[in-house]
Amino acid sequence: MKTRLLTIIYLTTVLFGTTILQAQTEKDKIGDAYQQFVSSGKLTNGIASLTVLDGKTGQVIFANQSTLGLPTASTLKVITSITALDILGPNYTYKTKLAYAGTIDSLGVLQGDLIISGSGDPTLGSDRYANTKGETIINKWINKIKQAGITQIHGRILADDLAYNGNDVPAGWSWSDIGNYYGAGISGLNWRENKAGLTFIPSSPGQPARLDSSKQVIPAVKFINEVTTGANGSGDNVYAFAAPYSELIYLRGTYGRDLRKTIEVSLPDPALALAHELTNALLAQNITVDSTITTGKRLANEGIALPKAQTELDVHTSPVLKDIIYWFHQKSINLYGEALLKSFGLLSGNKADTQQAARLLAKYWEQKLKIPVGELHIQDGCGLSPQNRVTTLALAKIMHYAQSRPWFADFNKSLPTINGMTMKSGTIAGVLGYTGYHTRTDGTKLTFSLLVNNYNGSSTAMRQDMFNLLDNLK
């Protein structure tokens, strides 16, 4: 009996020692690769942070600068998604209502307003889903209007965008970003992802690149076009400068002589753009609108309240949240992140303001995983703000937590495959990042987050160095 007990103790000691040795070997392997990475010369004036967790236990395998808050770029999107999935649920949807106020007389004249009321749906009018395409929604609404017997509107087309208090951008976003499609603001009534395409007609290098005004689709806006033609192969270097409710959009930069590309800019007032598009579609069906097109925010600015008594014609339902986050991650659509942040801000604390919602997010993870709020200084829902400060340890912990949730399969499916690993990337000026998961052939699971700031050299060269480092997790 004593011999058997000694044998068991011996085997347990050997197995325990082997586990410790393997963990040390793993840490040393990653540590050696990390030291080589930071010693390459590309971070002479910059900094890197890496956290690697055991994908099953959540224990830290390797960490360096893991509690240092850094700008995240789009890696922040995973925190927004996981929080939204946890609070709102994977089947959460947005509703957009078409209704009218007033009465329809015997001749089919609506004596009142046609009203579109939004709830912040970021997919309304998007081409990414079959039932959200702009033409599909407009045609559906026209049919509903006809079915109601309306032949003329003796009133306004009123786009109610007050769910998020109109159109806005998070504080801290760069002036060079917010006029362009990726810097589009978030509205209570979004439309076509709050962007529009512009067509340029290039000439000789150095000469003006003319804007094709026949294809201008943004209402109530004047363009100041300062774009010149670039050399063949110089590509798209066009930037739009505008803000929510701008009446002027400045276009600057160069457009390559051989370029054939539509340049996408942000809509200063998405709700107004939707109201105009619906009005034009009604006119094409010989349904006239007598009064001025307007929005809820514009009326509020004048101290005018929305009509209260409304008769519902249609309720459009967005794709479910788990399908929204797929494109949010795959195409890194910043608008989606801002909508999700405001949505769970409203639901969890009646706070639709971006900064207030971000503080609620940080408090949520402090309560859920005991992550100090200092590790989640968040300024937006997408990572575009250079003022975001998040630690790789917080990123990795939240990513690890997601694996235990019933919606994880959908979340995991939404992440791109990059360098043979499942992970979300992030890129803004001077910032690169990756966070994700990897399962080795032997079944070992790892969760990781890697951020670099203020690196030297090209982003291409730094990405390759980051891939080489992460290859040591394979």
Protein backbone atom coordinates (compact mmCIF):
# COMPACT_ATOMS: atom_id res chain seq x y z
CA MET A 1 0.00 0.00 0.00
CA LYS A 2 2.83 2.35 0.94
CA THR A 3 4.62 1.51 -2.33
CA ARG A 4 1.49 2.35 -4.37
CA LEU A 5 1.10 5.68 -2.55
CA LEU A 6 4.72 6.59 -3.21
CA THR A 7 4.26 5.68 -6.90
CA ILE A 8 1.18 7.94 -7.18
CA ILE A 9 3.03 10.81 -5.47
CA TYR A 10 5.98 10.31 -7.82
CA LEU A 11 3.82 10.28 -10.98
CA THR A 12 1.88 13.34 -9.82
CA THR A 13 5.12 15.19 -9.15
CA VAL A 14 6.48 14.27 -12.59
CA LEU A 15 3.28 15.33 -14.38
CA PHE A 16 3.06 18.59 -12.43
CA GLY A 17 6.70 19.31 -13.10
CA THR A 18 6.25 18.56 -16.79
CA THR A 19 3.30 20.99 -16.97
CA ILE A 20 5.33 23.73 -15.30
CA LEU A 21 8.26 23.04 -17.63
CA GLN A 22 6.00 23.22 -20.68
CA ALA A 23 4.52 26.51 -19.47
CA GLN A 24 7.99 27.92 -18.87
CA THR A 25 9.14 26.73 -22.29
CA GLU A 26 6.07 28.33 -23.90
CA LYS A 27 6.67 31.62 -22.09
CA ASP A 28 10.36 31.57 -23.00
CA LYS A 29 9.60 30.86 -26.66
CA ILE A 30 7.19 33.75 -26.94
CA GLY A 31 9.45 35.95 -24.82
CA ASP A 32 12.45 35.35 -27.09
CA ALA A 33 10.36 36.14 -30.17
CA TYR A 34 8.99 39.26 -28.52
CA GLN A 35 12.44 40.54 -27.62
CA GLN A 36 13.55 40.04 -31.20
CA PHE A 37 10.42 41.90 -32.33
CA VAL A 38 10.95 44.97 -30.12
CA SER A 39 14.67 45.04 -30.93
CA SER A 40 14.18 45.27 -34.69
CA GLY A 41 14.67 49.06 -34.75
CA LYS A 42 11.09 49.80 -35.80
CA LEU A 43 10.10 50.72 -32.23
CA THR A 44 13.01 53.00 -31.35
CA ASN A 45 10.55 55.81 -30.69
CA GLY A 46 7.50 53.63 -30.18
CA ILE A 47 6.08 50.99 -27.91
CA ALA A 48 4.51 47.55 -28.12
CA SER A 49 2.25 45.54 -25.84
CA LEU A 50 1.45 41.83 -26.02
CA THR A 51 -0.77 39.63 -23.88
CA VAL A 52 -1.21 35.89 -24.51
CA LEU A 53 -3.71 33.87 -22.47
CA ASP A 54 -4.36 30.16 -22.18
CA GLY A 55 -7.51 29.82 -24.25
CA LYS A 56 -9.06 27.32 -21.84
CA THR A 57 -8.15 28.66 -18.40
CA GLY A 58 -7.60 32.34 -19.15
CA GLN A 59 -4.28 32.26 -17.31
CA VAL A 60 -1.57 34.59 -18.58
CA ILE A 61 1.07 32.76 -20.59
CA PHE A 62 3.01 35.86 -21.64
CA ALA A 63 2.56 39.58 -20.96
CA ASN A 64 4.65 42.64 -21.68
CA GLN A 65 3.40 46.19 -21.12
CA SER A 66 0.02 44.48 -20.72
CA THR A 67 -1.46 47.12 -18.39
CA LEU A 68 -0.34 50.11 -20.45
CA GLY A 69 -3.25 51.95 -22.09
CA LEU A 70 -2.70 52.44 -25.82
CA PRO A 71 -4.73 53.61 -28.81
CA THR A 72 -6.40 50.53 -30.27
CA ALA A 73 -7.57 51.42 -33.77
CA SER A 74 -10.24 48.93 -34.91
CA THR A 75 -9.29 46.18 -32.45
CA LEU A 76 -11.63 48.09 -30.13
CA LYS A 77 -14.54 46.83 -32.24
CA VAL A 78 -14.40 43.42 -30.55
CA ILE A 79 -15.06 45.00 -27.15
CA THR A 80 -18.06 46.89 -28.55
CA SER A 81 -19.41 43.72 -30.19
CA ILE A 82 -18.96 41.50 -27.15
CA THR A 83 -20.59 44.09 -24.89
CA ALA A 84 -23.50 44.51 -27.31
CA LEU A 85 -23.99 40.75 -27.64
CA ASP A 86 -23.96 40.39 -23.87
CA ILE A 87 -26.34 43.29 -23.11
CA LEU A 88 -28.57 43.50 -26.19
CA GLY A 89 -28.45 39.82 -27.18
CA PRO A 90 -27.55 38.22 -30.52
CA ASN A 91 -31.10 38.57 -31.88
CA TYR A 92 -31.51 42.27 -31.09
CA THR A 93 -33.00 44.31 -33.95
CA TYR A 94 -33.69 47.95 -34.80
CA LYS A 95 -37.11 49.19 -35.97
CA THR A 96 -37.81 51.99 -38.46
CA LYS A 97 -41.42 53.13 -38.70
CA LEU A 98 -43.23 54.69 -41.65
CA ALA A 99 -46.41 56.49 -40.57
CA TYR A 100 -48.55 59.51 -41.27
CA ALA A 101 -50.08 62.24 -39.15
CA GLY A 102 -53.39 63.76 -40.23
CA THR A 103 -56.12 62.29 -42.41
CA ILE A 104 -56.56 61.01 -45.95
CA ASP A 105 -59.49 62.65 -47.70
CA SER A 106 -61.82 61.13 -50.28
CA LEU A 107 -59.51 62.14 -53.13
CA GLY A 108 -56.53 60.37 -51.57
CA VAL A 109 -54.86 63.57 -50.39
CA LEU A 110 -52.99 63.19 -47.12
CA GLN A 111 -53.80 66.29 -45.13
CA GLY A 112 -50.75 65.99 -42.92
CA ASP A 113 -47.19 64.70 -42.79
CA LEU A 114 -45.56 61.46 -43.88
CA ILE A 115 -43.11 60.52 -41.13
CA ILE A 116 -40.12 58.15 -41.07
CA SER A 117 -39.07 57.44 -37.47
CA GLY A 118 -35.66 55.89 -36.84
CA SER A 119 -34.22 54.02 -33.88
CA GLY A 120 -30.57 54.25 -34.93
CA ASP A 121 -30.51 51.27 -37.34
CA PRO A 122 -27.04 51.47 -38.97
CA THR A 123 -28.04 49.04 -41.75
CA LEU A 124 -31.01 51.00 -43.15
CA GLY A 125 -30.35 51.35 -46.89
CA SER A 126 -27.16 49.27 -46.77
CA ASP A 127 -26.28 47.09 -49.77
CA ARG A 128 -24.84 44.37 -47.50
CA TYR A 129 -28.14 42.61 -46.78
CA ALA A 130 -30.95 41.59 -49.13
CA ASN A 131 -33.74 43.29 -47.18
CA THR A 132 -31.87 46.51 -46.29
CA LYS A 133 -30.98 47.80 -49.76
CA GLY A 134 -32.11 51.37 -50.32
CA GLU A 135 -34.15 50.62 -53.43
CA THR A 136 -35.85 47.68 -51.71
CA ILE A 137 -36.93 49.80 -48.74
CA ILE A 138 -38.05 52.79 -50.86
CA ASN A 139 -40.12 50.52 -53.13
CA LYS A 140 -41.70 48.80 -50.13
CA TRP A 141 -42.67 52.14 -48.61
CA ILE A 142 -44.13 53.45 -51.87
CA ASN A 143 -46.29 50.33 -52.10
CA LYS A 144 -47.46 50.87 -48.51
CA ILE A 145 -48.30 54.50 -49.30
CA LYS A 146 -50.28 53.47 -52.36
CA GLN A 147 -52.09 50.74 -50.43
CA ALA A 148 -53.18 53.39 -47.94
CA GLY A 149 -54.82 55.23 -50.86
CA ILE A 150 -52.49 58.25 -50.74
CA THR A 151 -52.25 60.04 -54.10
CA GLN A 152 -50.90 63.37 -52.86
CA ILE A 153 -49.27 64.68 -49.69
CA HIS A 154 -50.50 68.08 -48.58
CA GLY A 155 -47.81 68.30 -45.93
CA ARG A 156 -44.19 67.39 -45.30
CA ILE A 157 -41.92 64.38 -45.65
CA LEU A 158 -40.56 64.37 -42.11
CA ALA A 159 -37.52 62.25 -41.20
CA ASP A 160 -37.53 61.74 -37.43
CA ASP A 161 -33.87 61.36 -36.40
CA LEU A 162 -34.28 62.32 -32.75
CA ALA A 163 -33.55 58.84 -31.32
CA TYR A 164 -29.88 59.87 -31.03
CA ASN A 165 -30.59 63.61 -31.08
CA GLY A 166 -29.87 63.95 -34.79
CA ASN A 167 -26.54 63.33 -36.51
CA ASP A 168 -23.29 63.51 -34.56
CA VAL A 169 -19.69 62.31 -34.45
CA PRO A 170 -17.78 61.30 -31.31
CA ALA A 171 -15.61 63.98 -29.74
CA GLY A 172 -11.99 63.53 -30.68
CA TRP A 173 -12.46 62.28 -34.22
CA SER A 174 -10.06 63.93 -36.64
CA TRP A 175 -11.20 66.70 -39.00
CA SER A 176 -9.45 64.80 -41.81
CA ASP A 177 -11.65 61.74 -41.10
CA ILE A 178 -15.20 62.92 -40.51
CA GLY A 179 -15.87 64.14 -44.05
CA ASN A 180 -15.02 60.74 -45.50
CA TYR A 181 -17.12 57.57 -45.55
CA TYR A 182 -15.25 55.88 -42.70
CA GLY A 183 -15.79 58.95 -40.51
CA ALA A 184 -19.53 59.22 -41.13
CA GLY A 185 -21.51 60.39 -38.13
CA ILE A 186 -24.17 58.36 -36.31
CA SER A 187 -27.77 59.50 -36.67
CA GLY A 188 -31.07 58.49 -35.15
CA LEU A 189 -32.08 57.83 -38.77
CA ASN A 190 -29.14 56.49 -40.78
CA TRP A 191 -29.32 55.95 -44.53
CA ARG A 192 -27.07 54.01 -46.93
CA GLU A 193 -24.42 53.79 -44.19
CA ASN A 194 -24.40 57.61 -44.15
CA LYS A 195 -22.21 57.87 -47.22
CA ALA A 196 -22.52 58.87 -50.88
CA GLY A 197 -20.34 58.35 -53.93
CA LEU A 198 -18.73 61.06 -56.06
CA THR A 199 -17.33 60.65 -59.57
CA PHE A 200 -14.29 62.58 -60.80
CA ILE A 201 -13.18 63.24 -64.35
CA PRO A 202 -9.36 63.49 -64.39
CA SER A 203 -7.34 65.53 -66.85
CA SER A 204 -3.57 66.09 -67.10
CA PRO A 205 -1.38 65.67 -64.01
CA GLY A 206 -1.43 68.83 -61.94
CA GLN A 207 -4.64 70.06 -63.54
CA PRO A 208 -8.11 70.03 -61.92
CA ALA A 209 -9.99 66.75 -61.61
CA ARG A 210 -13.54 67.81 -62.44
CA LEU A 211 -16.45 66.63 -60.32
CA ASP A 212 -19.25 65.06 -62.34
CA SER A 213 -22.08 67.19 -60.94
CA SER A 214 -24.71 65.19 -62.85
CA LYS A 215 -24.16 62.35 -60.36
CA GLN A 216 -24.18 64.50 -57.20
CA VAL A 217 -26.63 62.87 -54.81
CA ILE A 218 -26.25 64.86 -51.57
CA PRO A 219 -29.08 67.36 -50.99
CA ALA A 220 -28.60 70.87 -49.56
CA VAL A 221 -24.82 70.76 -50.03
CA LYS A 222 -22.38 72.76 -52.16
CA PHE A 223 -19.01 71.27 -53.12
CA ILE A 224 -15.79 73.27 -53.18
CA ASN A 225 -13.64 71.07 -55.40
CA GLU A 226 -9.88 71.63 -55.10
CA VAL A 227 -8.88 68.14 -56.26
CA THR A 228 -6.17 67.93 -58.90
CA THR A 229 -5.19 65.10 -61.21
CA GLY A 230 -2.34 62.91 -60.01
CA ALA A 231 0.11 60.90 -62.09
CA ASN A 232 -0.80 57.45 -63.42
CA GLY A 233 -0.60 54.94 -60.59
CA SER A 234 -0.87 57.56 -57.83
CA GLY A 235 -4.33 56.30 -56.86
CA ASP A 236 -6.90 57.83 -54.55
CA ASN A 237 -5.63 60.67 -52.35
CA VAL A 238 -8.91 62.56 -52.18
CA TYR A 239 -10.18 63.80 -48.81
CA ALA A 240 -13.49 65.43 -48.02
CA PHE A 241 -13.69 68.02 -45.25
CA ALA A 242 -17.12 68.51 -43.69
CA ALA A 243 -19.06 67.98 -40.46
CA PRO A 244 -22.61 67.06 -39.46
CA TYR A 245 -25.05 69.52 -41.04
CA SER A 246 -22.34 71.13 -43.20
CA GLU A 247 -23.68 73.00 -46.19
CA LEU A 248 -20.22 73.09 -47.76
CA ILE A 249 -18.00 70.08 -48.47
CA TYR A 250 -14.38 70.80 -49.40
CA LEU A 251 -12.72 68.23 -51.63
CA ARG A 252 -8.92 68.23 -51.57
CA GLY A 253 -6.03 66.05 -52.68
CA THR A 254 -5.26 64.19 -55.90
CA TYR A 255 -7.10 61.69 -58.07
CA GLY A 256 -4.88 59.46 -60.22
CA ARG A 257 -5.15 60.07 -63.95
CA ASP A 258 -5.78 56.36 -64.64
CA LEU A 259 -8.08 55.88 -61.62
CA ARG A 260 -11.65 54.76 -62.18
CA LYS A 261 -13.04 54.81 -58.69
CA THR A 262 -16.06 56.26 -56.93
CA ILE A 263 -14.97 58.40 -53.99
CA GLU A 264 -17.19 57.97 -50.95
CA VAL A 265 -17.88 60.87 -48.60
CA SER A 266 -20.01 61.11 -45.47
CA LEU A 267 -23.53 62.53 -45.53
CA PRO A 268 -23.83 65.69 -43.40
CA ASP A 269 -27.52 64.90 -42.75
CA PRO A 270 -28.49 61.27 -43.50
CA ALA A 271 -32.12 61.73 -42.45
CA LEU A 272 -32.53 64.63 -44.87
CA ALA A 273 -30.95 62.56 -47.66
CA LEU A 274 -33.48 59.77 -47.02
CA ALA A 275 -36.39 62.23 -47.04
CA HIS A 276 -35.21 63.64 -50.38
CA GLU A 277 -34.82 60.20 -51.91
CA LEU A 278 -38.28 59.10 -50.83
CA THR A 279 -39.77 62.37 -52.14
CA ASN A 280 -38.13 61.91 -55.54
CA ALA A 281 -39.36 58.32 -55.71
CA LEU A 282 -42.91 59.46 -54.88
CA LEU A 283 -42.77 62.13 -57.58
CA ALA A 284 -41.72 59.45 -60.07
CA GLN A 285 -44.98 57.69 -59.14
CA ASN A 286 -46.95 60.95 -59.61
CA ILE A 287 -47.47 61.36 -55.87
CA THR A 288 -46.67 65.00 -55.16
CA VAL A 289 -45.48 66.51 -51.89
CA ASP A 290 -46.57 70.08 -51.23
CA SER A 291 -44.46 71.21 -48.28
CA THR A 292 -40.79 71.45 -47.39
CA ILE A 293 -38.81 68.32 -46.58
CA THR A 294 -37.37 68.40 -43.07
CA THR A 295 -36.10 66.34 -40.13
CA GLY A 296 -36.89 65.98 -36.46
CA LYS A 297 -33.60 67.61 -35.46
CA ARG A 298 -34.17 70.60 -37.73
CA LEU A 299 -37.63 71.10 -36.27
CA ALA A 300 -36.28 70.75 -32.72
CA ASN A 301 -33.69 73.44 -33.46
CA GLU A 302 -36.61 75.74 -34.29
CA GLY A 303 -38.52 74.74 -31.17
CA ILE A 304 -41.15 72.82 -33.17
CA ALA A 305 -42.43 69.49 -31.87
CA LEU A 306 -43.15 66.44 -34.01
CA PRO A 307 -46.80 65.58 -34.74
CA LYS A 308 -48.06 63.17 -32.07
CA ALA A 309 -51.02 61.30 -33.57
CA GLN A 310 -49.62 58.92 -36.20
CA THR A 311 -51.07 56.06 -38.21
CA GLU A 312 -48.57 53.29 -38.91
CA LEU A 313 -47.97 52.13 -42.49
CA ASP A 314 -44.89 49.93 -42.10
CA VAL A 315 -42.25 48.82 -39.62
CA HIS A 316 -38.91 47.86 -41.13
CA THR A 317 -36.85 45.44 -39.01
CA SER A 318 -33.07 45.36 -39.29
CA PRO A 319 -30.95 42.21 -39.52
CA VAL A 320 -30.28 40.64 -36.11
CA LEU A 321 -27.28 41.81 -34.14
CA LYS A 322 -25.25 38.65 -34.77
CA ASP A 323 -25.50 39.38 -38.52
CA ILE A 324 -24.70 43.07 -38.04
CA ILE A 325 -21.45 42.30 -36.25
CA TYR A 326 -20.35 40.07 -39.14
CA TRP A 327 -19.95 43.04 -41.48
CA PHE A 328 -18.88 45.26 -38.58
CA HIS A 329 -15.79 43.09 -38.23
CA GLN A 330 -15.27 41.93 -41.80
CA LYS A 331 -15.36 45.42 -43.33
CA SER A 332 -14.62 47.40 -40.16
CA ILE A 333 -17.64 49.70 -40.56
CA ASN A 334 -17.19 52.42 -37.97
CA LEU A 335 -20.83 53.52 -38.16
CA TYR A 336 -21.98 50.13 -36.84
CA GLY A 337 -19.81 50.47 -33.76
CA GLU A 338 -21.18 53.90 -32.91
CA ALA A 339 -24.76 52.61 -33.27
CA LEU A 340 -24.06 49.63 -30.98
CA LEU A 341 -22.36 51.79 -28.36
CA LYS A 342 -25.33 54.17 -28.22
CA SER A 343 -27.79 51.27 -28.22
CA PHE A 344 -26.44 49.53 -25.14
CA GLY A 345 -25.87 52.93 -23.54
CA LEU A 346 -29.60 53.58 -23.88
CA LEU A 347 -30.62 50.12 -22.72
CA SER A 348 -28.25 49.84 -19.76
CA GLY A 349 -28.38 53.42 -18.46
CA ASN A 350 -30.56 55.58 -20.71
CA LYS A 351 -27.35 57.23 -21.95
CA ALA A 352 -27.21 57.73 -25.74
CA ASP A 353 -24.32 60.21 -25.52
CA THR A 354 -21.15 58.52 -26.82
CA GLN A 355 -18.92 59.39 -23.87
CA GLN A 356 -21.57 58.48 -21.31
CA ALA A 357 -22.19 55.15 -23.05
CA ALA A 358 -18.44 54.50 -23.12
CA ARG A 359 -18.24 55.04 -19.37
CA LEU A 360 -21.08 52.59 -18.87
CA LEU A 361 -19.15 50.08 -20.97
CA ALA A 362 -16.08 50.44 -18.78
CA LYS A 363 -18.17 50.04 -15.61
CA TYR A 364 -19.80 46.93 -17.08
CA TRP A 365 -16.45 45.18 -17.48
CA GLU A 366 -15.27 46.36 -14.09
CA GLN A 367 -18.27 44.60 -12.56
CA LYS A 368 -18.16 41.56 -14.87
CA LEU A 369 -14.42 40.77 -14.98
CA LYS A 370 -12.96 43.19 -12.41
CA ILE A 371 -11.10 45.06 -15.15
CA PRO A 372 -10.10 48.47 -13.73
CA VAL A 373 -11.82 51.32 -15.56
CA GLY A 374 -8.37 52.80 -16.13
CA GLU A 375 -7.70 49.97 -18.58
CA LEU A 376 -10.75 50.95 -20.66
CA HIS A 377 -10.54 54.68 -21.39
CA ILE A 378 -12.83 54.52 -24.43
CA GLN A 379 -13.94 57.48 -26.55
CA ASP A 380 -16.00 55.77 -29.26
CA GLY A 381 -17.37 52.40 -30.34
CA CYS A 382 -15.12 51.69 -33.31
CA GLY A 383 -11.56 52.75 -32.46
CA LEU A 384 -11.26 55.69 -34.88
CA SER A 385 -10.52 58.13 -32.07
CA PRO A 386 -6.76 58.45 -31.43
CA GLN A 387 -7.67 59.26 -27.82
CA ASN A 388 -8.77 55.71 -26.96
CA ARG A 389 -6.57 54.08 -24.31
CA VAL A 390 -7.06 50.35 -23.74
CA THR A 391 -4.69 47.69 -22.42
CA THR A 392 -3.94 44.45 -24.24
CA LEU A 393 -4.71 42.63 -20.98
CA ALA A 394 -8.26 44.07 -20.96
CA LEU A 395 -8.69 43.21 -24.65
CA ALA A 396 -7.50 39.64 -24.12
CA LYS A 397 -9.64 39.10 -21.01
CA ILE A 398 -12.80 40.27 -22.76
CA MET A 399 -11.97 38.12 -25.80
CA HIS A 400 -11.43 35.13 -23.52
CA TYR A 401 -14.74 35.79 -21.75
CA ALA A 402 -16.59 35.69 -25.09
CA GLN A 403 -15.66 32.01 -25.53
CA SER A 404 -17.91 31.07 -22.61
CA ARG A 405 -21.00 32.77 -24.02
CA PRO A 406 -23.80 31.01 -25.96
CA TRP A 407 -23.38 33.43 -28.90
CA PHE A 408 -19.63 32.79 -29.27
CA ALA A 409 -19.92 30.76 -32.49
CA ASP A 410 -21.50 33.73 -34.26
CA PHE A 411 -18.95 36.14 -32.83
CA ASN A 412 -16.05 33.89 -33.81
CA LYS A 413 -17.46 33.50 -37.34
CA SER A 414 -17.55 37.29 -37.70
CA LEU A 415 -13.78 37.65 -37.20
CA PRO A 416 -11.57 37.74 -40.31
CA THR A 417 -8.88 35.16 -40.99
CA ILE A 418 -5.54 36.96 -41.18
CA ASN A 419 -2.14 35.30 -41.45
CA GLY A 420 -3.82 31.95 -40.81
CA MET A 421 -5.32 33.12 -37.50
CA THR A 422 -8.81 34.22 -36.43
CA MET A 423 -8.39 37.85 -35.43
CA LYS A 424 -9.50 41.46 -35.80
CA SER A 425 -7.02 43.99 -37.09
CA GLY A 426 -6.75 47.70 -36.39
CA THR A 427 -5.04 50.53 -38.26
CA ILE A 428 -4.90 54.28 -37.75
CA ALA A 429 -1.97 56.67 -38.12
CA GLY A 430 0.99 55.20 -36.22
CA VAL A 431 -1.10 52.41 -34.69
CA LEU A 432 -1.41 48.75 -35.64
CA GLY A 433 -3.08 46.00 -33.69
CA TYR A 434 -4.39 42.42 -33.73
CA THR A 435 -6.51 40.52 -31.27
CA GLY A 436 -7.95 37.06 -31.68
CA TYR A 437 -7.75 33.33 -31.17
CA HIS A 438 -5.65 30.45 -32.38
CA THR A 439 -6.03 26.70 -31.92
CA ARG A 440 -2.96 24.61 -32.56
CA THR A 441 -3.02 21.23 -34.24
CA ASP A 442 -2.60 19.57 -30.81
CA GLY A 443 -5.75 21.31 -29.57
CA THR A 444 -4.02 23.99 -27.50
CA LYS A 445 -6.11 27.20 -27.51
CA LEU A 446 -4.63 30.67 -27.18
CA THR A 447 -6.16 34.15 -26.91
CA PHE A 448 -3.97 37.13 -27.73
CA SER A 449 -3.83 40.90 -28.14
CA LEU A 450 -0.96 42.82 -29.72
CA LEU A 451 -0.72 46.61 -30.13
CA VAL A 452 2.09 48.80 -31.47
CA ASN A 453 2.19 52.60 -31.41
CA ASN A 454 4.47 55.13 -33.11
CA TYR A 455 6.51 52.62 -35.09
CA ASN A 456 9.17 53.52 -37.66
CA GLY A 457 9.01 52.53 -41.31
CA SER A 458 6.10 51.39 -43.42
CA SER A 459 2.93 49.79 -42.08
CA THR A 460 3.55 46.86 -44.45
CA ALA A 461 6.94 46.12 -42.88
CA MET A 462 5.56 46.44 -39.34
CA ARG A 463 2.61 44.16 -40.12
CA GLN A 464 5.01 41.50 -41.36
CA ASP A 465 7.05 41.76 -38.16
CA MET A 466 3.84 41.39 -36.14
CA PHE A 467 2.85 38.34 -38.18
CA ASN A 468 6.29 36.82 -37.60
CA LEU A 469 5.85 37.36 -33.86
CA LEU A 470 2.34 35.87 -33.81
CA ASP A 471 3.59 32.88 -35.82
CA ASN A 472 5.25 31.75 -32.60
CA LEU A 473 1.76 31.07 -31.21
CA LYS A 474 1.06 28.54 -33.95
